[in-house]
Amino acid sequence: MHHKGIDKLHDLHYFGEFGGVNPSISDSSTYTFLSAKTMFDTFEGNTEGCYLYSRHSSPSNLYLGEALAALEGTEAANVFASGMGAIAGVVMQICNSGDQIVSSRTIYGGTYALFKNFLPKFDINSVFKDITNLKAIENSITANTKMIYCEAVSNPLLEVADIAALSKLAKKYGIPLVVDNTFSPLSIPAAELGADIVIHSLTKFINGSSDCVAGAVCGSSAFCLSLKDVNDGAGMLLGSTLDSLRAASILKNMRTLHIRIKKHSENALFLASKFEADGLKVVYPGLASHPGNKTMKRQMHEAYGFGGLMTVDVGSLEKANALMEMMQKANLGYLAVSLGFYKTLFSAPGTSTSSEIPLEEQKAMGLSDGLIRFSVGLDQNIEHTYQKMKGCMQRLGILASDSVLSTS
């Protein structure tokens, strides 16, 4: 099926102030009013096209928000200074003290730490369940539950959430389904499948050049406006505002998102298939061996593939670290956290991006010591990349050597 969001995104047509093909960047923190009455109305939130103060909104942020709403197929979107700013804003807007969140057990370490360690200070508590077990999710819902929270494709285990089924469940109990779609933009149309609020860390694939942190919340116009309310909006009052210059550069990078996602997915599927055939323990939603493969196929836009993330278990942390150091020396990518860069990035999640999750819980969810998370890059010759990576694995004894030459 064709992705309507990408058409909407490409139909957006902005002219800069001087007829530029890119919208002009508004380099101001505050905006002047021609009359005092307009200023009053703007504070009351009922003027169209008037800007007040860049923490509230700016032209550049609104352009980027429009593009993200088009991409996700929601009425509106707000942009934030980071993915965590977006997540914190949504949670603080919806939840009050005494409320509960039902969350997927495998989520980004920062989100986990926010839910598990920070929010209880305000008596907002979370339960963490296997998102693929709908019964467990339903059994966790109480009268105080204010949202179901999950990642479309989870970090780092790549579990695939059945968004349509979760949406049905959320509707049954009258609570929003909040989906972090950072790992699968374009591949999974979360809002179309029934997510009420879609969150992105724009830092990753959407920006794609690993040069900034930013976030987004895509949802209804009413919810997005409530986040920006000067009296009680979490986006406005927590102050995680994206800079206009950054918003403009992310908007420019979004224009190539469809091309990049296709290439990331194509390369990741190639490597995952090869390494699985070599006998390694590979997790990638595009492999038939992946438990979420059927769910992913049912809800994805095929043209964009199964995403750029895969994991390989090489047996131990020592081997994982040695392999990552060797691959970095061989210019195959960077030993770095994050994802969505044009070069391959690799890290051991247990000691990095998921280190906030206690060891016993990492074990319970199947996050092993030797697990390497790969964000596969845009390499033009992926066969060459594979051969070089395989060579590193052979040198470290992770894979047996091809040549069975007798050494005299």
Protein backbone atom coordinates (compact mmCIF):
# COMPACT_ATOMS: atom_id res chain seq x y z
CA MET A 1 0.00 0.00 0.00
CA HIS A 2 1.18 3.49 -0.81
CA HIS A 3 2.31 5.83 1.97
CA LYS A 4 0.03 8.88 1.94
CA GLY A 5 2.22 10.73 4.43
CA ILE A 6 5.16 11.02 2.04
CA ASP A 7 2.88 12.57 -0.60
CA LYS A 8 1.55 15.06 1.93
CA LEU A 9 5.09 15.86 3.01
CA HIS A 10 6.20 16.46 -0.59
CA ASP A 11 3.10 18.52 -1.34
CA LEU A 12 4.10 21.07 1.30
CA HIS A 13 5.25 24.10 -0.59
CA TYR A 14 6.80 27.00 1.28
CA PHE A 15 8.25 30.17 -0.15
CA GLY A 16 10.88 32.09 1.76
CA GLU A 17 10.32 35.72 2.58
CA PHE A 18 12.25 36.76 -0.54
CA GLY A 19 10.90 34.04 -2.81
CA GLY A 20 13.44 31.46 -1.58
CA VAL A 21 12.72 27.77 -2.23
CA ASN A 22 13.32 27.13 1.47
CA PRO A 23 11.26 29.03 4.04
CA SER A 24 13.12 31.91 5.67
CA ILE A 25 14.49 31.25 9.14
CA SER A 26 13.11 33.57 11.77
CA ASP A 27 16.14 34.56 13.82
CA SER A 28 14.25 36.16 16.69
CA SER A 29 13.41 35.14 20.22
CA THR A 30 10.61 37.65 20.59
CA TYR A 31 8.14 39.24 18.17
CA THR A 32 6.73 42.71 17.93
CA PHE A 33 3.01 43.53 17.87
CA LEU A 34 1.43 46.38 15.94
CA SER A 35 -1.15 46.86 18.68
CA ALA A 36 -1.41 46.12 22.39
CA LYS A 37 -4.75 44.38 21.79
CA THR A 38 -3.10 41.80 19.53
CA MET A 39 -0.55 41.04 22.24
CA PHE A 40 -3.36 40.38 24.76
CA ASP A 41 -5.18 38.12 22.29
CA THR A 42 -2.02 36.18 21.53
CA PHE A 43 -1.44 35.48 25.24
CA GLU A 44 -5.02 34.26 25.39
CA GLY A 45 -4.11 31.89 22.54
CA ASN A 46 -6.59 33.13 19.93
CA THR A 47 -4.62 34.80 17.17
CA GLU A 48 -3.67 33.08 13.98
CA GLY A 49 -0.30 33.87 12.38
CA CYS A 50 0.93 36.06 15.23
CA TYR A 51 4.07 35.08 17.09
CA LEU A 52 4.66 35.91 20.69
CA TYR A 53 7.90 34.44 21.90
CA SER A 54 10.01 31.62 20.49
CA ARG A 55 9.48 29.35 23.49
CA HIS A 56 5.82 29.29 22.47
CA SER A 57 6.31 28.88 18.73
CA SER A 58 8.30 30.28 15.85
CA PRO A 59 7.78 30.13 12.09
CA SER A 60 10.62 27.60 11.64
CA ASN A 61 9.24 25.31 14.34
CA LEU A 62 5.75 25.52 12.87
CA TYR A 63 7.03 24.58 9.39
CA LEU A 64 8.81 21.54 10.82
CA GLY A 65 5.72 20.65 12.88
CA GLU A 66 3.55 20.78 9.74
CA ALA A 67 5.96 18.49 7.91
CA LEU A 68 5.92 15.97 10.77
CA ALA A 69 2.12 16.01 10.99
CA ALA A 70 2.03 15.34 7.24
CA LEU A 71 4.51 12.48 7.63
CA GLU A 72 2.60 10.79 10.47
CA GLY A 73 -0.87 11.64 9.18
CA THR A 74 -1.95 13.51 12.32
CA GLU A 75 -3.77 16.84 12.59
CA ALA A 76 -0.79 18.60 14.13
CA ALA A 77 2.70 18.20 15.59
CA ASN A 78 4.87 20.11 18.05
CA VAL A 79 8.66 20.03 18.03
CA PHE A 80 10.90 19.81 21.08
CA ALA A 81 14.57 20.28 21.90
CA SER A 82 15.02 16.49 22.33
CA GLY A 83 13.16 13.19 22.14
CA MET A 84 13.16 13.03 25.94
CA GLY A 85 11.70 16.57 26.02
CA ALA A 86 8.86 15.31 23.84
CA ILE A 87 8.25 12.20 25.97
CA ALA A 88 8.39 14.12 29.27
CA GLY A 89 6.03 16.76 27.86
CA VAL A 90 3.42 14.19 26.83
CA VAL A 91 3.56 12.32 30.13
CA MET A 92 3.41 15.46 32.27
CA GLN A 93 0.51 16.81 30.18
CA ILE A 94 -1.60 13.67 30.56
CA CYS A 95 -0.69 12.31 33.99
CA ASN A 96 -1.40 13.68 37.46
CA SER A 97 -0.20 12.37 40.79
CA GLY A 98 -1.81 9.02 41.58
CA ASP A 99 -1.92 8.05 37.90
CA GLN A 100 -0.40 5.00 36.27
CA ILE A 101 1.32 4.25 32.95
CA VAL A 102 1.25 0.79 31.39
CA SER A 103 4.50 0.59 29.44
CA SER A 104 6.32 -1.85 27.24
CA ARG A 105 9.18 -3.48 29.17
CA THR A 106 11.69 -2.87 26.39
CA ILE A 107 11.97 0.84 25.81
CA TYR A 108 14.84 3.26 25.42
CA GLY A 109 16.92 3.44 28.62
CA GLY A 110 16.23 7.16 29.08
CA THR A 111 12.46 6.60 28.87
CA TYR A 112 12.76 3.68 31.29
CA ALA A 113 14.69 5.84 33.77
CA LEU A 114 12.11 8.64 33.48
CA PHE A 115 9.22 6.21 34.14
CA LYS A 116 10.91 4.05 36.76
CA ASN A 117 13.12 6.47 38.71
CA PHE A 118 11.90 10.02 38.14
CA LEU A 119 8.11 10.05 37.80
CA PRO A 120 7.46 8.23 41.13
CA LYS A 121 8.63 11.49 42.80
CA PHE A 122 5.30 12.90 41.59
CA ASP A 123 3.42 9.69 42.45
CA ILE A 124 3.13 8.73 38.77
CA ASN A 125 3.93 5.03 38.61
CA SER A 126 4.56 2.66 35.73
CA VAL A 127 4.19 -1.06 35.16
CA PHE A 128 6.43 -2.69 32.57
CA LYS A 129 5.05 -5.60 30.54
CA ASP A 130 5.85 -7.58 27.42
CA ILE A 131 4.11 -5.46 24.79
CA THR A 132 3.53 -8.50 22.56
CA ASN A 133 1.41 -10.11 25.32
CA LEU A 134 -1.93 -8.32 25.00
CA LYS A 135 -3.43 -10.21 27.94
CA ALA A 136 -0.63 -9.02 30.25
CA ILE A 137 -1.16 -5.45 29.04
CA GLU A 138 -4.93 -5.60 29.60
CA ASN A 139 -4.53 -7.17 33.05
CA SER A 140 -2.27 -4.27 34.09
CA ILE A 141 -4.86 -1.60 33.32
CA THR A 142 -6.50 -0.12 36.42
CA ALA A 143 -8.89 2.78 37.06
CA ASN A 144 -5.79 4.99 37.43
CA THR A 145 -4.18 4.03 34.13
CA LYS A 146 -3.84 7.11 31.94
CA MET A 147 -1.95 5.72 28.93
CA ILE A 148 -0.47 2.70 27.21
CA TYR A 149 3.08 3.54 26.14
CA CYS A 150 5.24 1.59 23.72
CA GLU A 151 7.78 1.79 20.91
CA ALA A 152 6.62 0.63 17.46
CA VAL A 153 9.88 -1.31 17.19
CA SER A 154 11.51 -1.53 20.59
CA ASN A 155 14.99 -0.45 21.64
CA PRO A 156 17.16 -2.57 21.59
CA LEU A 157 15.38 -5.95 21.29
CA LEU A 158 13.40 -4.91 18.20
CA GLU A 159 10.11 -6.32 19.48
CA VAL A 160 7.25 -5.28 17.19
CA ALA A 161 4.14 -3.82 18.81
CA ASP A 162 0.75 -4.72 17.30
CA ILE A 163 -0.45 -1.12 17.18
CA ALA A 164 -3.96 -1.87 15.86
CA ALA A 165 -4.60 -4.40 18.66
CA LEU A 166 -3.15 -2.09 21.32
CA SER A 167 -5.27 0.77 19.97
CA LYS A 168 -8.42 -1.33 20.32
CA LEU A 169 -7.45 -2.07 23.92
CA ALA A 170 -6.74 1.61 24.67
CA LYS A 171 -10.10 2.63 23.19
CA LYS A 172 -11.90 -0.02 25.25
CA TYR A 173 -10.60 1.65 28.43
CA GLY A 174 -10.81 5.22 27.09
CA ILE A 175 -7.08 5.95 27.40
CA PRO A 176 -4.59 7.15 24.77
CA LEU A 177 -2.10 4.85 23.06
CA VAL A 178 1.24 6.66 22.91
CA VAL A 179 3.74 5.23 20.41
CA ASP A 180 7.40 6.16 20.04
CA ASN A 181 8.05 5.63 16.31
CA THR A 182 11.74 6.64 16.31
CA PHE A 183 12.99 3.30 14.94
CA SER A 184 10.44 3.03 12.14
CA PRO A 185 9.48 6.32 10.45
CA LEU A 186 7.70 5.70 7.11
CA SER A 187 7.88 1.91 7.63
CA ILE A 188 5.15 1.85 10.29
CA PRO A 189 2.26 4.36 9.96
CA ALA A 190 1.55 4.41 13.70
CA ALA A 191 -1.27 6.99 13.67
CA GLU A 192 -3.03 5.29 10.77
CA LEU A 193 -2.92 2.04 12.76
CA GLY A 194 -4.59 3.71 15.75
CA ALA A 195 -1.94 5.43 17.86
CA ASP A 196 -3.39 8.57 19.47
CA ILE A 197 -0.02 10.26 19.99
CA VAL A 198 3.14 9.52 18.02
CA ILE A 199 6.51 10.58 19.39
CA HIS A 200 9.84 10.82 17.55
CA SER A 201 13.37 11.49 18.53
CA LEU A 202 14.20 13.58 15.45
CA THR A 203 17.85 13.12 16.42
CA LYS A 204 17.85 9.74 14.68
CA PHE A 205 16.54 8.84 11.20
CA ILE A 206 14.42 11.91 10.55
CA ASN A 207 17.36 14.31 10.81
CA GLY A 208 19.79 11.62 9.70
CA SER A 209 23.08 13.49 10.06
CA SER A 210 23.84 13.00 13.78
CA ASP A 211 24.42 16.71 14.32
CA CYS A 212 21.65 17.68 16.73
CA VAL A 213 19.11 16.47 19.26
CA ALA A 214 15.41 17.20 18.74
CA GLY A 215 12.01 15.62 19.31
CA ALA A 216 8.43 15.72 18.11
CA VAL A 217 4.92 14.96 19.31
CA CYS A 218 2.34 14.25 16.59
CA GLY A 219 -1.33 14.18 17.60
CA SER A 220 -4.64 15.99 17.49
CA SER A 221 -4.74 19.77 17.12
CA ALA A 222 -6.37 20.00 20.55
CA PHE A 223 -3.60 17.99 22.26
CA CYS A 224 -0.81 19.86 20.46
CA LEU A 225 -2.38 23.19 21.42
CA SER A 226 -2.75 22.06 25.04
CA LEU A 227 1.00 21.32 25.16
CA LYS A 228 1.69 24.93 24.11
CA ASP A 229 -0.82 26.59 26.45
CA VAL A 230 0.83 29.47 28.34
CA ASN A 231 -1.08 28.62 31.52
CA ASP A 232 -0.78 24.85 31.82
CA GLY A 233 1.01 23.41 28.78
CA ALA A 234 3.90 21.06 29.58
CA GLY A 235 5.69 21.94 26.35
CA MET A 236 5.51 25.65 27.13
CA LEU A 237 6.21 25.41 30.86
CA LEU A 238 8.95 22.76 30.89
CA GLY A 239 10.73 24.83 28.26
CA SER A 240 12.26 22.16 26.02
CA THR A 241 12.04 24.38 22.94
CA LEU A 242 13.78 23.62 19.67
CA ASP A 243 16.00 26.32 18.20
CA SER A 244 14.73 27.85 14.93
CA LEU A 245 18.02 27.30 13.06
CA ARG A 246 17.98 23.62 14.00
CA ALA A 247 14.32 23.24 13.03
CA ALA A 248 15.13 24.64 9.60
CA SER A 249 18.04 22.23 9.06
CA ILE A 250 15.95 19.20 10.15
CA LEU A 251 13.19 20.24 7.74
CA LYS A 252 15.72 20.27 4.88
CA ASN A 253 16.97 16.80 5.85
CA MET A 254 13.41 15.43 5.96
CA ARG A 255 13.21 15.90 2.18
CA THR A 256 15.46 12.87 1.67
CA LEU A 257 13.98 10.68 4.41
CA HIS A 258 12.19 8.32 1.99
CA ILE A 259 15.38 7.62 0.04
CA ARG A 260 17.45 7.11 3.19
CA ILE A 261 14.98 4.78 4.92
CA LYS A 262 14.83 2.54 1.84
CA LYS A 263 18.62 2.25 1.78
CA HIS A 264 18.99 1.72 5.54
CA SER A 265 16.39 -1.09 5.35
CA GLU A 266 17.89 -2.69 2.24
CA ASN A 267 21.38 -2.74 3.80
CA ALA A 268 20.18 -4.01 7.19
CA LEU A 269 18.20 -6.84 5.60
CA PHE A 270 21.26 -7.83 3.54
CA LEU A 271 23.58 -7.97 6.57
CA ALA A 272 21.01 -9.66 8.81
CA SER A 273 20.33 -12.39 6.24
CA LYS A 274 24.04 -13.01 5.61
CA PHE A 275 25.02 -13.15 9.29
CA GLU A 276 22.08 -15.43 10.12
CA ALA A 277 23.13 -17.76 7.30
CA ASP A 278 26.65 -17.71 8.80
CA GLY A 279 25.16 -19.15 11.98
CA LEU A 280 25.11 -16.04 14.15
CA LYS A 281 22.20 -15.17 16.46
CA VAL A 282 20.68 -12.23 14.60
CA VAL A 283 17.55 -10.27 15.49
CA TYR A 284 15.97 -8.29 12.66
CA PRO A 285 12.21 -7.85 12.02
CA GLY A 286 12.71 -8.67 8.34
CA LEU A 287 13.89 -12.22 9.08
CA ALA A 288 11.35 -15.06 9.13
CA SER A 289 12.97 -16.16 12.41
CA HIS A 290 11.89 -12.91 14.12
CA PRO A 291 8.80 -13.43 16.34
CA GLY A 292 7.40 -10.06 15.22
CA ASN A 293 7.94 -10.65 11.50
CA LYS A 294 4.27 -11.36 10.71
CA THR A 295 3.04 -8.43 12.82
CA MET A 296 5.51 -6.11 11.09
CA LYS A 297 4.47 -7.33 7.63
CA ARG A 298 0.81 -6.78 8.48
CA GLN A 299 1.29 -3.14 9.48
CA MET A 300 4.22 -1.85 7.44
CA HIS A 301 4.57 0.05 4.18
CA GLU A 302 6.58 -2.48 2.23
CA ALA A 303 8.46 0.07 0.13
CA TYR A 304 10.34 1.26 3.22
CA GLY A 305 11.37 -2.14 4.50
CA PHE A 306 11.98 -3.39 8.02
CA GLY A 307 14.18 -0.55 9.22
CA GLY A 308 17.87 0.05 9.73
CA LEU A 309 18.36 -1.59 13.14
CA MET A 310 19.56 -5.13 13.80
CA THR A 311 21.26 -6.91 16.67
CA VAL A 312 23.89 -9.63 16.64
CA ASP A 313 24.82 -11.66 19.72
CA VAL A 314 28.52 -12.48 19.70
CA GLY A 315 28.51 -14.37 23.01
CA SER A 316 30.23 -12.09 25.51
CA LEU A 317 30.86 -8.44 26.31
CA GLU A 318 34.61 -8.93 25.75
CA LYS A 319 34.00 -10.23 22.23
CA ALA A 320 31.43 -7.52 21.54
CA ASN A 321 33.85 -4.78 22.61
CA ALA A 322 36.78 -6.28 20.69
CA LEU A 323 34.68 -6.61 17.53
CA MET A 324 33.34 -3.05 17.75
CA GLU A 325 36.85 -1.65 18.26
CA MET A 326 38.15 -3.68 15.31
CA MET A 327 35.27 -2.62 13.03
CA GLN A 328 35.86 1.02 13.95
CA LYS A 329 39.58 0.69 13.10
CA ALA A 330 38.57 -0.84 9.75
CA ASN A 331 36.42 2.27 9.02
CA LEU A 332 33.25 0.17 8.99
CA GLY A 333 31.46 2.58 11.29
CA TYR A 334 31.63 4.16 14.71
CA LEU A 335 31.48 2.72 18.20
CA ALA A 336 28.81 5.21 19.21
CA VAL A 337 25.31 5.35 20.64
CA SER A 338 22.35 6.72 18.70
CA LEU A 339 21.17 5.69 15.23
CA GLY A 340 20.10 6.89 11.81
CA PHE A 341 23.52 8.23 10.72
CA TYR A 342 24.82 7.75 7.16
CA LYS A 343 27.64 5.60 8.58
CA THR A 344 26.96 2.44 10.56
CA LEU A 345 26.89 2.96 14.33
CA PHE A 346 27.32 0.10 16.79
CA SER A 347 27.09 -0.19 20.56
CA ALA A 348 26.55 -2.78 23.29
CA PRO A 349 23.16 -1.66 24.68
CA GLY A 350 23.56 -3.47 28.02
CA THR A 351 26.40 -1.15 28.97
CA SER A 352 25.21 1.95 27.10
CA THR A 353 21.74 2.93 25.82
CA SER A 354 19.95 0.44 28.10
CA SER A 355 22.32 0.67 31.07
CA GLU A 356 19.59 2.41 33.08
CA ILE A 357 17.70 -0.91 33.13
CA PRO A 358 18.84 -3.07 36.10
CA LEU A 359 20.90 -6.14 35.16
CA GLU A 360 18.36 -8.68 36.41
CA GLU A 361 15.66 -6.99 34.33
CA GLN A 362 17.96 -6.91 31.29
CA LYS A 363 18.39 -10.67 31.71
CA ALA A 364 14.66 -11.26 32.16
CA MET A 365 13.88 -9.48 28.89
CA GLY A 366 16.64 -11.29 26.99
CA LEU A 367 19.15 -8.45 26.73
CA SER A 368 22.40 -10.41 26.84
CA ASP A 369 26.00 -9.29 27.46
CA GLY A 370 27.23 -10.08 23.97
CA LEU A 371 24.47 -8.18 22.18
CA ILE A 372 25.61 -5.57 19.65
CA ARG A 373 23.06 -3.14 18.24
CA PHE A 374 23.81 -2.04 14.70
CA SER A 375 22.29 1.03 13.09
CA VAL A 376 23.17 0.12 9.53
CA GLY A 377 24.41 2.96 7.34
CA LEU A 378 23.85 4.00 3.74
CA ASP A 379 26.81 2.05 2.30
CA GLN A 380 26.54 1.81 -1.48
CA ASN A 381 28.46 -1.50 -1.62
CA ILE A 382 26.95 -3.50 1.25
CA GLU A 383 28.51 -6.76 -0.01
CA HIS A 384 31.96 -5.20 0.53
CA THR A 385 30.90 -4.04 4.02
CA TYR A 386 29.69 -7.56 4.83
CA GLN A 387 32.96 -9.17 3.73
CA LYS A 388 34.99 -6.74 5.86
CA MET A 389 32.74 -7.25 8.91
CA LYS A 390 32.92 -11.01 8.46
CA GLY A 391 36.71 -10.79 8.28
CA CYS A 392 36.75 -9.01 11.65
CA MET A 393 34.49 -11.71 13.13
CA GLN A 394 36.73 -14.45 11.80
CA ARG A 395 39.86 -12.84 13.21
CA LEU A 396 38.24 -12.77 16.65
CA GLY A 397 36.94 -16.35 16.40
CA ILE A 398 33.29 -15.23 16.47
CA LEU A 399 32.88 -16.91 13.08
CA ALA A 400 34.92 -19.85 11.84
CA SER A 401 37.39 -19.05 9.09
CA ASP A 402 36.29 -19.77 5.49
CA SER A 403 39.54 -21.22 4.29
CA VAL A 404 40.40 -24.65 5.60
CA LEU A 405 43.96 -24.42 4.28
CA SER A 406 46.38 -26.81 5.91
CA THR A 407 49.30 -24.92 7.42
CA SER A 408 52.51 -26.78 6.89
